[in-house]
Amino acid sequence: MTDADERDRRQLRTVADYQFGRGAGAALFPEAEALRIDRTSSGRPSQVHADAGRVVTYAVDGRFTLGVEGGRRLLAALDPPAYRVVVGEESEPFVRDGKNAFAKFVRDVDPRIRPGDEVVVVDESDALLAVGRAELSADAMADFGTGMAVKVRSGHAGPA
């Protein structure tokens, strides 16, 4: 690993801890793991990949968008209900298939979620279904009977 890669990894960990909470950086970007960091033409990190798949994309706004592998790592590192949106079994196959999660089917949600936050969509046993962006606040997800709760970016077909 080059000095630039190590510097980038430290910076990425700091951003992850800020965005998702303490411990997220170490979970997403472990010291001992070989990660592939794709860069923009200016040299800034843009995507981080592990052998298991895309962990995150580092967006131009300075925040991460999660890949399924990133969602799996956050679930393992952060205690429930952190960054989780729990949906009922009736919507599980659709969300796994990459369809959006609607407020009507939300069973539980991290009360700190705000619109625009990156979230992990799980079933009632905390198994990974998808990753995406919250479209509603936690209160709105819990109260609304209609409307998109999470814009799903990637569904997860297999077991968590």
Protein backbone atom coordinates (compact mmCIF):
# COMPACT_ATOMS: atom_id res chain seq x y z
CA MET A 1 0.00 0.00 0.00
CA THR A 2 1.36 3.40 -0.94
CA ASP A 3 1.56 6.40 1.37
CA ALA A 4 -1.24 8.04 -0.67
CA ASP A 5 -3.45 4.97 -0.17
CA GLU A 6 -2.79 5.00 3.58
CA ARG A 7 -3.53 8.73 3.76
CA ASP A 8 -6.74 8.20 1.79
CA ARG A 9 -7.76 5.30 4.03
CA ARG A 10 -7.33 7.49 7.13
CA GLN A 11 -9.38 10.26 5.51
CA LEU A 12 -12.09 7.81 4.43
CA ARG A 13 -12.28 6.40 7.97
CA THR A 14 -12.70 9.91 9.38
CA VAL A 15 -15.52 10.69 6.95
CA ALA A 16 -17.24 7.37 7.73
CA ASP A 17 -17.04 7.97 11.48
CA TYR A 18 -18.54 11.42 10.99
CA GLN A 19 -21.32 10.24 8.67
CA PHE A 20 -22.26 6.96 10.38
CA GLY A 21 -20.81 7.18 13.89
CA ARG A 22 -17.77 5.98 15.77
CA GLY A 23 -16.48 2.64 14.56
CA ALA A 24 -17.93 2.89 11.06
CA GLY A 25 -14.59 3.88 9.53
CA ALA A 26 -12.77 0.86 10.91
CA ALA A 27 -15.65 -1.41 9.83
CA LEU A 28 -15.80 -0.07 6.28
CA PHE A 29 -12.04 0.22 5.74
CA PRO A 30 -10.19 -2.28 7.96
CA GLU A 31 -6.42 -1.91 8.31
CA ALA A 32 -5.52 -5.44 7.27
CA GLU A 33 -7.75 -5.67 4.19
CA ALA A 34 -6.52 -4.92 0.69
CA LEU A 35 -8.98 -2.44 -0.80
CA ARG A 36 -9.01 -1.06 -4.32
CA ILE A 37 -9.44 2.72 -4.31
CA ASP A 38 -10.52 4.13 -7.66
CA ARG A 39 -9.67 7.77 -8.21
CA THR A 40 -10.99 10.70 -10.19
CA SER A 41 -8.80 12.35 -12.82
CA SER A 42 -7.66 14.78 -10.11
CA GLY A 43 -6.54 11.90 -7.86
CA ARG A 44 -9.36 12.16 -5.31
CA PRO A 45 -10.80 8.81 -4.09
CA SER A 46 -14.09 8.06 -5.81
CA GLN A 47 -14.95 4.40 -5.17
CA VAL A 48 -13.69 1.79 -2.75
CA HIS A 49 -13.94 -1.89 -3.63
CA ALA A 50 -13.22 -5.02 -1.62
CA ASP A 51 -13.04 -8.58 -2.95
CA ALA A 52 -16.72 -9.00 -1.97
CA GLY A 53 -17.86 -5.93 -3.94
CA ARG A 54 -18.25 -2.16 -3.80
CA VAL A 55 -18.00 -0.80 -0.29
CA VAL A 56 -18.74 2.88 -0.94
CA THR A 57 -18.67 5.65 -3.48
CA TYR A 58 -17.18 8.89 -2.19
CA ALA A 59 -19.49 11.48 -3.71
CA VAL A 60 -18.53 15.01 -4.68
CA ASP A 61 -20.53 16.35 -1.71
CA GLY A 62 -18.05 14.65 0.64
CA ARG A 63 -20.44 11.91 1.78
CA PHE A 64 -20.54 8.20 1.07
CA THR A 65 -23.13 6.27 -0.84
CA LEU A 66 -23.17 2.67 0.29
CA GLY A 67 -22.67 -0.43 -1.78
CA VAL A 68 -24.15 -3.72 -0.60
CA GLU A 69 -20.78 -4.72 0.87
CA GLY A 70 -20.66 -1.41 2.76
CA GLY A 71 -24.16 -2.07 4.09
CA ARG A 72 -23.13 -5.53 5.26
CA ARG A 73 -20.12 -4.07 7.08
CA LEU A 74 -22.18 -1.34 8.78
CA LEU A 75 -24.73 -3.90 9.98
CA ALA A 76 -21.94 -5.91 11.57
CA ALA A 77 -20.35 -2.89 13.23
CA LEU A 78 -23.25 -0.72 14.41
CA ASP A 79 -25.81 -1.84 16.96
CA PRO A 80 -29.47 -1.68 15.96
CA PRO A 81 -31.24 0.53 15.16
CA ALA A 82 -28.31 2.57 13.74
CA TYR A 83 -28.95 3.58 10.11
CA ARG A 84 -31.51 0.82 9.67
CA VAL A 85 -34.96 0.88 8.14
CA VAL A 86 -36.87 -2.30 8.97
CA VAL A 87 -39.53 -3.39 6.48
CA GLY A 88 -42.18 -6.08 6.79
CA GLU A 89 -42.14 -9.43 5.03
CA GLU A 90 -44.69 -8.35 2.41
CA SER A 91 -42.20 -5.92 0.85
CA GLU A 92 -39.06 -8.00 1.44
CA PRO A 93 -38.91 -9.69 -2.00
CA PHE A 94 -39.40 -6.37 -3.79
CA VAL A 95 -36.74 -4.55 -1.78
CA ARG A 96 -34.29 -7.45 -2.26
CA ASP A 97 -34.93 -7.08 -5.99
CA GLY A 98 -33.89 -3.41 -5.84
CA LYS A 99 -37.35 -1.84 -5.67
CA ASN A 100 -37.90 1.17 -3.41
CA ALA A 101 -39.14 0.77 0.17
CA PHE A 102 -42.41 2.53 0.93
CA ALA A 103 -43.50 4.04 4.24
CA LYS A 104 -46.54 1.78 4.41
CA PHE A 105 -44.24 -1.22 4.92
CA VAL A 106 -41.77 0.31 7.39
CA ARG A 107 -41.97 -1.53 10.73
CA ASP A 108 -39.17 0.24 12.60
CA VAL A 109 -36.57 2.89 11.87
CA ASP A 110 -33.58 4.55 13.51
CA PRO A 111 -35.13 7.69 15.02
CA ARG A 112 -32.12 9.79 13.95
CA ILE A 113 -32.60 9.21 10.21
CA ARG A 114 -33.14 12.35 8.17
CA PRO A 115 -34.02 12.72 4.49
CA GLY A 116 -30.89 12.21 2.40
CA ASP A 117 -29.15 9.89 4.87
CA GLU A 118 -27.61 6.68 3.59
CA VAL A 119 -29.44 3.73 5.16
CA VAL A 120 -29.48 -0.04 5.25
CA VAL A 121 -32.85 -1.69 4.67
CA VAL A 122 -33.29 -4.85 6.73
CA ASP A 123 -36.00 -7.37 7.52
CA GLU A 124 -37.37 -7.93 11.01
CA SER A 125 -34.50 -10.32 11.83
CA ASP A 126 -31.93 -7.62 10.87
CA ALA A 127 -30.93 -9.39 7.63
CA LEU A 128 -29.65 -7.13 4.87
CA LEU A 129 -32.15 -6.49 2.07
CA ALA A 130 -30.80 -3.36 0.38
CA VAL A 131 -28.94 -0.08 0.69
CA GLY A 132 -30.22 3.31 -0.34
CA ARG A 133 -31.07 6.91 0.51
CA ALA A 134 -33.78 7.92 2.99
CA GLU A 135 -36.42 10.07 1.32
CA LEU A 136 -38.32 10.78 4.54
CA SER A 137 -37.39 11.47 8.14
CA ALA A 138 -37.73 8.66 10.65
CA ASP A 139 -40.91 10.23 12.06
CA ALA A 140 -42.45 10.52 8.62
CA MET A 141 -41.57 6.91 7.76
CA ALA A 142 -43.30 5.76 10.92
CA ASP A 143 -46.37 8.01 10.48
CA PHE A 144 -47.08 8.03 6.74
CA GLY A 145 -49.27 5.41 5.09
CA THR A 146 -48.02 6.31 1.62
CA GLY A 147 -44.88 7.61 -0.02
CA MET A 148 -41.37 6.41 -0.71
CA ALA A 149 -39.36 5.92 2.47
CA VAL A 150 -36.09 4.73 0.91
CA LYS A 151 -34.82 5.15 -2.62
CA VAL A 152 -33.11 1.78 -2.97
CA ARG A 153 -29.81 1.88 -4.82
CA SER A 154 -28.91 -1.81 -4.65
CA GLY A 155 -30.89 -4.83 -3.49
CA HIS A 156 -29.24 -7.83 -1.87
CA ALA A 157 -30.52 -11.13 -3.21
CA GLY A 158 -28.60 -13.48 -0.93
CA PRO A 159 -28.49 -14.12 2.78
CA ALA A 160 -26.89 -11.41 4.93
